[in-house]
Each structure stands twice: as structure tokens, then as C-alpha cells.
């Protein structure tokens, strides 16, 4: 079963959604057998004011009962997505190691 990724928010339309999905699949693909779904929330905290205000929140639902949630904020939405995806991959890897240890 393919990993389900849901992107919420963001002002970039379907092109942004495709880029976000591609970046998350790249970062989390090796854990695809463990991940049931991913929800990505994109928020512009300051609106048109600009600044370091693009937040990406990634929630990964996997084999454990708890969801893994990471956030990143940056001036660019794609930079925030890249950072959050890398953090999520590290967190999922650690969760899988803990699960194997039991």
C-alpha cells in the first residue's frame, strides 16, 4: 500500500502540493512499509508582511499508537518543508529502532 500524504494549506496550488509530496516521499520513502499516512500543514504566520514566517508541520502516523509530529519555520515554504521532512525521517528512524529493541 502506498504512503498517503495529505497537504493542507499553502498558497501555491497543486504545483506546491506536488513538490511537497515529492520531497516527503523522498525523505520518508524507506519507511513506507511502516507509515500509514502523513499530514502536512503549511501556514504563513505573518501573511503579506514577509519574514521568517512559513511554518511546515508534519504529522506521521505509523505502526505505533503515537503520531510523530515535527515543525519547521523558514522564510521559504520549501525550505521549511525540507527541514521538517528531514526531522521527520530522523524521528521515524528512531521510533523504529525503539520498536525493534522491544
PDB file of N, CA and C in Angstrom:
ATOM      1  N   UNK A   1       0.843  -1.181   0.000  1.00  0.00           N
ATOM      2  CA  UNK A   1       0.000   0.000   0.000  1.00  0.00           C
ATOM      3  C   UNK A   1       0.891   1.248   0.000  1.00  0.00           C
ATOM      4  N   UNK A   2       0.578   2.196  -0.829  1.00  0.00           N
ATOM      5  CA  UNK A   2       1.380   3.413  -0.953  1.00  0.00           C
ATOM      6  C   UNK A   2       1.132   4.338   0.234  1.00  0.00           C
ATOM      7  N   UNK A   3       2.172   5.054   0.602  1.00  0.00           N
ATOM      8  CA  UNK A   3       2.073   6.012   1.696  1.00  0.00           C
ATOM      9  C   UNK A   3       1.127   7.143   1.285  1.00  0.00           C
ATOM     10  N   UNK A   4       0.151   7.443   2.132  1.00  0.00           N
ATOM     11  CA  UNK A   4      -0.812   8.503   1.859  1.00  0.00           C
ATOM     12  C   UNK A   4      -0.288   9.818   2.437  1.00  0.00           C
ATOM     13  N   UNK A   5      -0.208  10.842   1.596  1.00  0.00           N
ATOM     14  CA  UNK A   5       0.252  12.157   2.044  1.00  0.00           C
ATOM     15  C   UNK A   5      -0.847  13.166   1.750  1.00  0.00           C
ATOM     16  N   UNK A   6      -1.258  13.888   2.788  1.00  0.00           N
ATOM     17  CA  UNK A   6      -2.284  14.915   2.652  1.00  0.00           C
ATOM     18  C   UNK A   6      -1.651  16.263   2.966  1.00  0.00           C
ATOM     19  N   UNK A   7      -1.760  17.210   2.037  1.00  0.00           N
ATOM     20  CA  UNK A   7      -1.189  18.543   2.219  1.00  0.00           C
ATOM     21  C   UNK A   7      -2.336  19.518   2.446  1.00  0.00           C
ATOM     22  N   UNK A   8      -2.246  20.254   3.556  1.00  0.00           N
ATOM     23  CA  UNK A   8      -3.271  21.241   3.899  1.00  0.00           C
ATOM     24  C   UNK A   8      -2.631  22.615   3.964  1.00  0.00           C
ATOM     25  N   UNK A   9      -3.303  23.599   3.426  1.00  0.00           N
ATOM     26  CA  UNK A   9      -2.799  24.971   3.460  1.00  0.00           C
ATOM     27  C   UNK A   9      -1.850  25.242   2.320  1.00  0.00           C
ATOM     28  N   UNK A  10      -1.191  26.370   2.402  1.00  0.00           N
ATOM     29  CA  UNK A  10      -0.269  26.749   1.332  1.00  0.00           C
ATOM     30  C   UNK A  10      -1.007  27.484   0.235  1.00  0.00           C
ATOM     31  N   UNK A  11      -0.369  28.456  -0.330  1.00  0.00           N
ATOM     32  CA  UNK A  11      -0.982  29.292  -1.362  1.00  0.00           C
ATOM     33  C   UNK A  11      -0.483  28.971  -2.762  1.00  0.00           C
ATOM     34  N   UNK A  12       0.239  27.865  -2.924  1.00  0.00           N
ATOM     35  CA  UNK A  12       0.868  27.572  -4.209  1.00  0.00           C
ATOM     36  C   UNK A  12       0.068  26.687  -5.137  1.00  0.00           C
ATOM     37  N   UNK A  13      -1.112  26.242  -4.723  1.00  0.00           N
ATOM     38  CA  UNK A  13      -1.927  25.405  -5.585  1.00  0.00           C
ATOM     39  C   UNK A  13      -1.380  23.996  -5.728  1.00  0.00           C
ATOM     40  N   UNK A  14      -1.771  23.322  -6.792  1.00  0.00           N
ATOM     41  CA  UNK A  14      -1.410  21.917  -6.976  1.00  0.00           C
ATOM     42  C   UNK A  14       0.075  21.730  -7.231  1.00  0.00           C
ATOM     43  N   UNK A  15       0.743  22.750  -7.822  1.00  0.00           N
ATOM     44  CA  UNK A  15       2.190  22.622  -8.065  1.00  0.00           C
ATOM     45  C   UNK A  15       2.965  22.538  -6.751  1.00  0.00           C
ATOM     46  N   UNK A  16       2.599  23.386  -5.794  1.00  0.00           N
ATOM     47  CA  UNK A  16       3.230  23.339  -4.471  1.00  0.00           C
ATOM     48  C   UNK A  16       2.933  22.003  -3.796  1.00  0.00           C
ATOM     49  N   UNK A  17       1.693  21.559  -3.900  1.00  0.00           N
ATOM     50  CA  UNK A  17       1.310  20.289  -3.294  1.00  0.00           C
ATOM     51  C   UNK A  17       2.138  19.132  -3.864  1.00  0.00           C
ATOM     52  N   UNK A  18       2.344  19.112  -5.166  1.00  0.00           N
ATOM     53  CA  UNK A  18       3.163  18.063  -5.790  1.00  0.00           C
ATOM     54  C   UNK A  18       4.607  18.116  -5.317  1.00  0.00           C
ATOM     55  N   UNK A  19       5.172  19.318  -5.201  1.00  0.00           N
ATOM     56  CA  UNK A  19       6.550  19.457  -4.722  1.00  0.00           C
ATOM     57  C   UNK A  19       6.671  18.971  -3.284  1.00  0.00           C
ATOM     58  N   UNK A  20       5.708  19.336  -2.444  1.00  0.00           N
ATOM     59  CA  UNK A  20       5.730  18.917  -1.041  1.00  0.00           C
ATOM     60  C   UNK A  20       5.637  17.398  -0.952  1.00  0.00           C
ATOM     61  N   UNK A  21       4.711  16.804  -1.695  1.00  0.00           N
ATOM     62  CA  UNK A  21       4.566  15.346  -1.692  1.00  0.00           C
ATOM     63  C   UNK A  21       5.844  14.664  -2.170  1.00  0.00           C
ATOM     64  N   UNK A  22       6.466  15.169  -3.223  1.00  0.00           N
ATOM     65  CA  UNK A  22       7.690  14.582  -3.764  1.00  0.00           C
ATOM     66  C   UNK A  22       8.818  14.627  -2.728  1.00  0.00           C
ATOM     67  N   UNK A  23       8.963  15.758  -2.046  1.00  0.00           N
ATOM     68  CA  UNK A  23      10.025  15.902  -1.046  1.00  0.00           C
ATOM     69  C   UNK A  23       9.798  14.977   0.146  1.00  0.00           C
ATOM     70  N   UNK A  24       8.545  14.813   0.551  1.00  0.00           N
ATOM     71  CA  UNK A  24       8.259  13.919   1.681  1.00  0.00           C
ATOM     72  C   UNK A  24       8.429  12.453   1.293  1.00  0.00           C
ATOM     73  N   UNK A  25       8.028  12.103   0.097  1.00  0.00           N
ATOM     74  CA  UNK A  25       8.227  10.721  -0.357  1.00  0.00           C
ATOM     75  C   UNK A  25       9.716  10.382  -0.427  1.00  0.00           C
ATOM     76  N   UNK A  26      10.521  11.350  -0.853  1.00  0.00           N
ATOM     77  CA  UNK A  26      11.965  11.133  -0.915  1.00  0.00           C
ATOM     78  C   UNK A  26      12.536  10.929   0.486  1.00  0.00           C
ATOM     79  N   UNK A  27      12.126  11.775   1.431  1.00  0.00           N
ATOM     80  CA  UNK A  27      12.674  11.716   2.787  1.00  0.00           C
ATOM     81  C   UNK A  27      12.172  10.495   3.562  1.00  0.00           C
ATOM     82  N   UNK A  28      10.914  10.121   3.356  1.00  0.00           N
ATOM     83  CA  UNK A  28      10.300   9.060   4.167  1.00  0.00           C
ATOM     84  C   UNK A  28      10.096   7.747   3.428  1.00  0.00           C
ATOM     85  N   UNK A  29      10.471   7.700   2.164  1.00  0.00           N
ATOM     86  CA  UNK A  29      10.197   6.524   1.334  1.00  0.00           C
ATOM     87  C   UNK A  29      10.711   5.214   1.896  1.00  0.00           C
ATOM     88  N   UNK A  30      11.884   5.239   2.514  1.00  0.00           N
ATOM     89  CA  UNK A  30      12.444   3.986   3.037  1.00  0.00           C
ATOM     90  C   UNK A  30      11.649   3.443   4.215  1.00  0.00           C
ATOM     91  N   UNK A  31      10.774   4.273   4.801  1.00  0.00           N
ATOM     92  CA  UNK A  31       9.932   3.832   5.907  1.00  0.00           C
ATOM     93  C   UNK A  31       8.492   3.571   5.453  1.00  0.00           C
ATOM     94  N   UNK A  32       8.275   3.520   4.158  1.00  0.00           N
ATOM     95  CA  UNK A  32       6.928   3.392   3.609  1.00  0.00           C
ATOM     96  C   UNK A  32       6.139   2.227   4.147  1.00  0.00           C
ATOM     97  N   UNK A  33       6.814   1.113   4.455  1.00  0.00           N
ATOM     98  CA  UNK A  33       6.124  -0.061   4.983  1.00  0.00           C
ATOM     99  C   UNK A  33       5.601   0.175   6.395  1.00  0.00           C
ATOM    100  N   UNK A  34       6.186   1.133   7.113  1.00  0.00           N
ATOM    101  CA  UNK A  34       5.802   1.412   8.495  1.00  0.00           C
ATOM    102  C   UNK A  34       4.782   2.548   8.580  1.00  0.00           C
ATOM    103  N   UNK A  35       4.822   3.482   7.632  1.00  0.00           N
ATOM    104  CA  UNK A  35       3.992   4.690   7.672  1.00  0.00           C
ATOM    105  C   UNK A  35       2.631   4.426   7.035  1.00  0.00           C
ATOM    106  N   UNK A  36       1.573   4.767   7.779  1.00  0.00           N
ATOM    107  CA  UNK A  36       0.214   4.653   7.239  1.00  0.00           C
ATOM    108  C   UNK A  36      -0.211   5.932   6.531  1.00  0.00           C
ATOM    109  N   UNK A  37       0.177   7.056   7.093  1.00  0.00           N
ATOM    110  CA  UNK A  37      -0.230   8.318   6.494  1.00  0.00           C
ATOM    111  C   UNK A  37       0.572   9.486   7.024  1.00  0.00           C
ATOM    112  N   UNK A  38       0.592  10.566   6.231  1.00  0.00           N
ATOM    113  CA  UNK A  38       1.316  11.779   6.589  1.00  0.00           C
ATOM    114  C   UNK A  38       0.385  12.963   6.318  1.00  0.00           C
ATOM    115  N   UNK A  39       0.288  13.842   7.309  1.00  0.00           N
ATOM    116  CA  UNK A  39      -0.477  15.075   7.129  1.00  0.00           C
ATOM    117  C   UNK A  39       0.505  16.237   7.229  1.00  0.00           C
ATOM    118  N   UNK A  40       0.494  17.095   6.220  1.00  0.00           N
ATOM    119  CA  UNK A  40       1.378  18.256   6.169  1.00  0.00           C
ATOM    120  C   UNK A  40       0.509  19.505   6.234  1.00  0.00           C
ATOM    121  N   UNK A  41       0.826  20.387   7.177  1.00  0.00           N
ATOM    122  CA  UNK A  41       0.107  21.651   7.300  1.00  0.00           C
ATOM    123  C   UNK A  41       1.083  22.789   7.009  1.00  0.00           C
ATOM    124  N   UNK A  42       0.723  23.627   6.046  1.00  0.00           N
ATOM    125  CA  UNK A  42       1.551  24.774   5.664  1.00  0.00           C
ATOM    126  C   UNK A  42       0.825  26.048   6.083  1.00  0.00           C
ATOM    127  N   UNK A  43       1.532  26.926   6.820  1.00  0.00           N
ATOM    128  CA  UNK A  43       0.919  28.145   7.326  1.00  0.00           C
ATOM    129  C   UNK A  43       1.871  29.309   7.112  1.00  0.00           C
ATOM    130  N   UNK A  44       1.330  30.430   6.655  1.00  0.00           N
ATOM    131  CA  UNK A  44       2.081  31.685   6.570  1.00  0.00           C
ATOM    132  C   UNK A  44       1.699  32.492   7.808  1.00  0.00           C
ATOM    133  N   UNK A  45       2.604  32.558   8.785  1.00  0.00           N
ATOM    134  CA  UNK A  45       2.285  33.147  10.076  1.00  0.00           C
ATOM    135  C   UNK A  45       2.041  34.644  10.025  1.00  0.00           C
ATOM    136  N   UNK A  46       2.786  35.379   9.188  1.00  0.00           N
ATOM    137  CA  UNK A  46       2.670  36.839   9.146  1.00  0.00           C
ATOM    138  C   UNK A  46       1.892  37.359   7.949  1.00  0.00           C
ATOM    139  N   UNK A  47       1.368  36.483   7.127  1.00  0.00           N
ATOM    140  CA  UNK A  47       0.645  36.929   5.947  1.00  0.00           C
ATOM    141  C   UNK A  47       1.560  37.676   4.992  1.00  0.00           C
ATOM    142  N   UNK A  48       1.096  38.788   4.421  1.00  0.00           N
ATOM    143  CA  UNK A  48       1.885  39.500   3.409  1.00  0.00           C
ATOM    144  C   UNK A  48       3.059  40.303   3.977  1.00  0.00           C
ATOM    145  N   UNK A  49       3.252  40.330   5.289  1.00  0.00           N
ATOM    146  CA  UNK A  49       4.338  41.114   5.890  1.00  0.00           C
ATOM    147  C   UNK A  49       5.721  40.592   5.513  1.00  0.00           C
ATOM    148  N   UNK A  50       5.824  39.290   5.232  1.00  0.00           N
ATOM    149  CA  UNK A  50       7.121  38.706   4.891  1.00  0.00           C
ATOM    150  C   UNK A  50       7.882  38.283   6.131  1.00  0.00           C
ATOM    151  N   UNK A  51       9.118  37.873   5.932  1.00  0.00           N
ATOM    152  CA  UNK A  51       9.955  37.458   7.049  1.00  0.00           C
ATOM    153  C   UNK A  51      10.010  35.949   7.186  1.00  0.00           C
ATOM    154  N   UNK A  52      10.670  35.510   8.264  1.00  0.00           N
ATOM    155  CA  UNK A  52      10.823  34.075   8.525  1.00  0.00           C
ATOM    156  C   UNK A  52       9.531  33.603   9.163  1.00  0.00           C
ATOM    157  N   UNK A  53       8.564  33.291   8.310  1.00  0.00           N
ATOM    158  CA  UNK A  53       7.232  33.042   8.840  1.00  0.00           C
ATOM    159  C   UNK A  53       6.459  31.918   8.152  1.00  0.00           C
ATOM    160  N   UNK A  54       7.131  31.110   7.369  1.00  0.00           N
ATOM    161  CA  UNK A  54       6.449  29.982   6.725  1.00  0.00           C
ATOM    162  C   UNK A  54       6.659  28.754   7.607  1.00  0.00           C
ATOM    163  N   UNK A  55       5.582  28.185   8.121  1.00  0.00           N
ATOM    164  CA  UNK A  55       5.689  27.042   9.012  1.00  0.00           C
ATOM    165  C   UNK A  55       5.165  25.790   8.314  1.00  0.00           C
ATOM    166  N   UNK A  56       5.911  24.717   8.477  1.00  0.00           N
ATOM    167  CA  UNK A  56       5.521  23.407   7.971  1.00  0.00           C
ATOM    168  C   UNK A  56       5.429  22.468   9.172  1.00  0.00           C
ATOM    169  N   UNK A  57       4.273  21.867   9.345  1.00  0.00           N
ATOM    170  CA  UNK A  57       4.059  20.893  10.418  1.00  0.00           C
ATOM    171  C   UNK A  57       3.774  19.549   9.764  1.00  0.00           C
ATOM    172  N   UNK A  58       4.576  18.539  10.103  1.00  0.00           N
ATOM    173  CA  UNK A  58       4.426  17.200   9.522  1.00  0.00           C
ATOM    174  C   UNK A  58       4.015  16.241  10.629  1.00  0.00           C
ATOM    175  N   UNK A  59       2.919  15.552  10.403  1.00  0.00           N
ATOM    176  CA  UNK A  59       2.424  14.540  11.346  1.00  0.00           C
ATOM    177  C   UNK A  59       2.464  13.187  10.639  1.00  0.00           C
ATOM    178  N   UNK A  60       3.243  12.267  11.205  1.00  0.00           N
ATOM    179  CA  UNK A  60       3.417  10.942  10.614  1.00  0.00           C
ATOM    180  C   UNK A  60       2.693   9.922  11.480  1.00  0.00           C
ATOM    181  N   UNK A  61       1.775   9.191  10.875  1.00  0.00           N
ATOM    182  CA  UNK A  61       1.078   8.098  11.560  1.00  0.00           C
ATOM    183  C   UNK A  61       1.692   6.796  11.088  1.00  0.00           C
ATOM    184  N   UNK A  62       2.170   6.026  12.053  1.00  0.00           N
ATOM    185  CA  UNK A  62       2.848   4.790  11.686  1.00  0.00           C
ATOM    186  C   UNK A  62       2.370   3.604  12.477  1.00  0.00           C
ATOM    187  N   UNK A  63       3.266   2.658  12.676  1.00  0.00           N
ATOM    188  CA  UNK A  63       2.947   1.421  13.352  1.00  0.00           C
ATOM    189  C   UNK A  63       2.691   1.570  14.833  1.00  0.00           C
ATOM    190  N   UNK A  64       3.196   2.641  15.451  1.00  0.00           N
ATOM    191  CA  UNK A  64       2.955   2.837  16.878  1.00  0.00           C
ATOM    192  C   UNK A  64       1.663   3.616  17.069  1.00  0.00           C
ATOM    193  N   UNK A  65       1.217   3.668  18.287  1.00  0.00           N
ATOM    194  CA  UNK A  65      -0.026   4.383  18.573  1.00  0.00           C
ATOM    195  C   UNK A  65       0.140   5.895  18.482  1.00  0.00           C
ATOM    196  N   UNK A  66       1.327   6.376  18.822  1.00  0.00           N
ATOM    197  CA  UNK A  66       1.569   7.813  18.815  1.00  0.00           C
ATOM    198  C   UNK A  66       1.981   8.309  17.437  1.00  0.00           C
ATOM    199  N   UNK A  67       1.499   9.491  17.122  1.00  0.00           N
ATOM    200  CA  UNK A  67       1.937  10.141  15.885  1.00  0.00           C
ATOM    201  C   UNK A  67       3.262  10.845  16.147  1.00  0.00           C
ATOM    202  N   UNK A  68       4.085  10.934  15.137  1.00  0.00           N
ATOM    203  CA  UNK A  68       5.328  11.696  15.206  1.00  0.00           C
ATOM    204  C   UNK A  68       5.031  13.048  14.574  1.00  0.00           C
ATOM    205  N   UNK A  69       5.275  14.117  15.331  1.00  0.00           N
ATOM    206  CA  UNK A  69       4.962  15.472  14.864  1.00  0.00           C
ATOM    207  C   UNK A  69       6.225  16.313  14.928  1.00  0.00           C
ATOM    208  N   UNK A  70       6.563  16.948  13.814  1.00  0.00           N
ATOM    209  CA  UNK A  70       7.705  17.864  13.760  1.00  0.00           C
ATOM    210  C   UNK A  70       7.266  19.151  13.066  1.00  0.00           C
ATOM    211  N   UNK A  71       7.933  20.251  13.411  1.00  0.00           N
ATOM    212  CA  UNK A  71       7.646  21.541  12.795  1.00  0.00           C
ATOM    213  C   UNK A  71       8.943  22.221  12.392  1.00  0.00           C
ATOM    214  N   UNK A  72       8.840  23.061  11.388  1.00  0.00           N
ATOM    215  CA  UNK A  72       9.964  23.874  10.973  1.00  0.00           C
ATOM    216  C   UNK A  72       9.429  25.200  10.443  1.00  0.00           C
ATOM    217  N   UNK A  73      10.158  26.278  10.720  1.00  0.00           N
ATOM    218  CA  UNK A  73       9.775  27.603  10.240  1.00  0.00           C
ATOM    219  C   UNK A  73      10.952  28.196   9.472  1.00  0.00           C
ATOM    220  N   UNK A  74      10.650  28.803   8.317  1.00  0.00           N
ATOM    221  CA  UNK A  74      11.694  29.381   7.475  1.00  0.00           C
ATOM    222  C   UNK A  74      11.072  30.487   6.632  1.00  0.00           C
ATOM    223  N   UNK A  75      11.911  31.262   5.952  1.00  0.00           N
ATOM    224  CA  UNK A  75      11.421  32.308   5.055  1.00  0.00           C
ATOM    225  C   UNK A  75      10.782  31.714   3.808  1.00  0.00           C
ATOM    226  N   UNK A  76      11.238  30.529   3.400  1.00  0.00           N
ATOM    227  CA  UNK A  76      10.721  29.847   2.218  1.00  0.00           C
ATOM    228  C   UNK A  76       9.912  28.625   2.642  1.00  0.00           C
ATOM    229  N   UNK A  77       8.758  28.440   2.040  1.00  0.00           N
ATOM    230  CA  UNK A  77       7.923  27.294   2.400  1.00  0.00           C
ATOM    231  C   UNK A  77       8.623  25.982   2.054  1.00  0.00           C
ATOM    232  N   UNK A  78       9.335  25.932   0.936  1.00  0.00           N
ATOM    233  CA  UNK A  78      10.005  24.687   0.553  1.00  0.00           C
ATOM    234  C   UNK A  78      11.203  24.383   1.453  1.00  0.00           C
ATOM    235  N   UNK A  79      11.885  25.416   1.937  1.00  0.00           N
ATOM    236  CA  UNK A  79      12.971  25.189   2.896  1.00  0.00           C
ATOM    237  C   UNK A  79      12.405  24.651   4.206  1.00  0.00           C
ATOM    238  N   UNK A  80      11.262  25.170   4.626  1.00  0.00           N
ATOM    239  CA  UNK A  80      10.606  24.671   5.836  1.00  0.00           C
ATOM    240  C   UNK A  80      10.166  23.219   5.643  1.00  0.00           C
ATOM    241  N   UNK A  81       9.666  22.885   4.452  1.00  0.00           N
ATOM    242  CA  UNK A  81       9.253  21.513   4.147  1.00  0.00           C
ATOM    243  C   UNK A  81      10.470  20.582   4.175  1.00  0.00           C
ATOM    244  N   UNK A  82      11.555  20.994   3.548  1.00  0.00           N
ATOM    245  CA  UNK A  82      12.769  20.163   3.528  1.00  0.00           C
ATOM    246  C   UNK A  82      13.274  19.880   4.934  1.00  0.00           C
ATOM    247  N   UNK A  83      13.317  20.904   5.777  1.00  0.00           N
ATOM    248  CA  UNK A  83      13.797  20.724   7.140  1.00  0.00           C
ATOM    249  C   UNK A  83      12.852  19.817   7.938  1.00  0.00           C
ATOM    250  N   UNK A  84      11.555  20.054   7.815  1.00  0.00           N
ATOM    251  CA  UNK A  84      10.585  19.229   8.541  1.00  0.00           C
ATOM    252  C   UNK A  84      10.628  17.783   8.052  1.00  0.00           C
ATOM    253  N   UNK A  85      10.802  17.571   6.760  1.00  0.00           N
ATOM    254  CA  UNK A  85      10.880  16.204   6.221  1.00  0.00           C
ATOM    255  C   UNK A  85      12.111  15.481   6.759  1.00  0.00           C
ATOM    256  N   UNK A  86      13.255  16.173   6.822  1.00  0.00           N
ATOM    257  CA  UNK A  86      14.475  15.561   7.366  1.00  0.00           C
ATOM    258  C   UNK A  86      14.305  15.232   8.846  1.00  0.00           C
ATOM    259  N   UNK A  87      13.698  16.137   9.593  1.00  0.00           N
ATOM    260  CA  UNK A  87      13.447  15.877  11.014  1.00  0.00           C
ATOM    261  C   UNK A  87      12.491  14.693  11.193  1.00  0.00           C
ATOM    262  N   UNK A  88      11.457  14.641  10.363  1.00  0.00           N
ATOM    263  CA  UNK A  88      10.502  13.535  10.454  1.00  0.00           C
ATOM    264  C   UNK A  88      11.185  12.209  10.157  1.00  0.00           C
ATOM    265  N   UNK A  89      12.051  12.184   9.150  1.00  0.00           N
ATOM    266  CA  UNK A  89      12.760  10.943   8.803  1.00  0.00           C
ATOM    267  C   UNK A  89      13.628  10.475   9.968  1.00  0.00           C
ATOM    268  N   UNK A  90      14.338  11.409  10.609  1.00  0.00           N
ATOM    269  CA  UNK A  90      15.159  11.034  11.773  1.00  0.00           C
ATOM    270  C   UNK A  90      14.291  10.501  12.903  1.00  0.00           C
ATOM    271  N   UNK A  91      13.166  11.152  13.154  1.00  0.00           N
ATOM    272  CA  UNK A  91      12.274  10.724  14.243  1.00  0.00           C
ATOM    273  C   UNK A  91      11.651   9.362  13.964  1.00  0.00           C
ATOM    274  N   UNK A  92      11.260   9.121  12.726  1.00  0.00           N
ATOM    275  CA  UNK A  92      10.687   7.817  12.365  1.00  0.00           C
ATOM    276  C   UNK A  92      11.748   6.734  12.515  1.00  0.00           C
ATOM    277  N   UNK A  93      12.974   7.018  12.072  1.00  0.00           N
ATOM    278  CA  UNK A  93      14.067   6.049  12.234  1.00  0.00           C
ATOM    279  C   UNK A  93      14.302   5.693  13.688  1.00  0.00           C
ATOM    280  N   UNK A  94      14.296   6.710  14.570  1.00  0.00           N
ATOM    281  CA  UNK A  94      14.470   6.442  15.996  1.00  0.00           C
ATOM    282  C   UNK A  94      13.312   5.642  16.558  1.00  0.00           C
ATOM    283  N   UNK A  95      12.092   5.941  16.152  1.00  0.00           N
ATOM    284  CA  UNK A  95      10.922   5.204  16.628  1.00  0.00           C
ATOM    285  C   UNK A  95      10.987   3.745  16.199  1.00  0.00           C
ATOM    286  N   UNK A  96      11.447   3.509  14.996  1.00  0.00           N
ATOM    287  CA  UNK A  96      11.560   2.123  14.513  1.00  0.00           C
ATOM    288  C   UNK A  96      12.636   1.379  15.284  1.00  0.00           C
ATOM    289  N   UNK A  97      13.749   2.048  15.600  1.00  0.00           N
ATOM    290  CA  UNK A  97      14.817   1.414  16.390  1.00  0.00           C
ATOM    291  C   UNK A  97      14.307   1.059  17.782  1.00  0.00           C
ATOM    292  N   UNK A  98      13.557   1.962  18.393  1.00  0.00           N
ATOM    293  CA  UNK A  98      12.985   1.670  19.715  1.00  0.00           C
ATOM    294  C   UNK A  98      12.025   0.490  19.643  1.00  0.00           C
ATOM    295  N   UNK A  99      11.222   0.440  18.581  1.00  0.00           N
ATOM    296  CA  UNK A  99      10.263  -0.656  18.434  1.00  0.00           C
ATOM    297  C   UNK A  99      10.980  -1.994  18.241  1.00  0.00           C
ATOM    298  N   UNK A 100      12.098  -1.989  17.537  1.00  0.00           N
ATOM    299  CA  UNK A 100      12.865  -3.217  17.341  1.00  0.00           C
ATOM    300  C   UNK A 100      13.507  -3.704  18.624  1.00  0.00           C
ATOM    301  N   UNK A 101      13.852  -2.763  19.503  1.00  0.00           N
ATOM    302  CA  UNK A 101      14.501  -3.104  20.755  1.00  0.00           C
ATOM    303  C   UNK A 101      13.586  -3.788  21.766  1.00  0.00           C
ATOM    304  N   UNK A 102      12.294  -3.657  21.547  1.00  0.00           N
ATOM    305  CA  UNK A 102      11.330  -4.258  22.491  1.00  0.00           C
ATOM    306  C   UNK A 102      11.102  -5.709  22.212  1.00  0.00           C
TER     307      UNK A 102
END
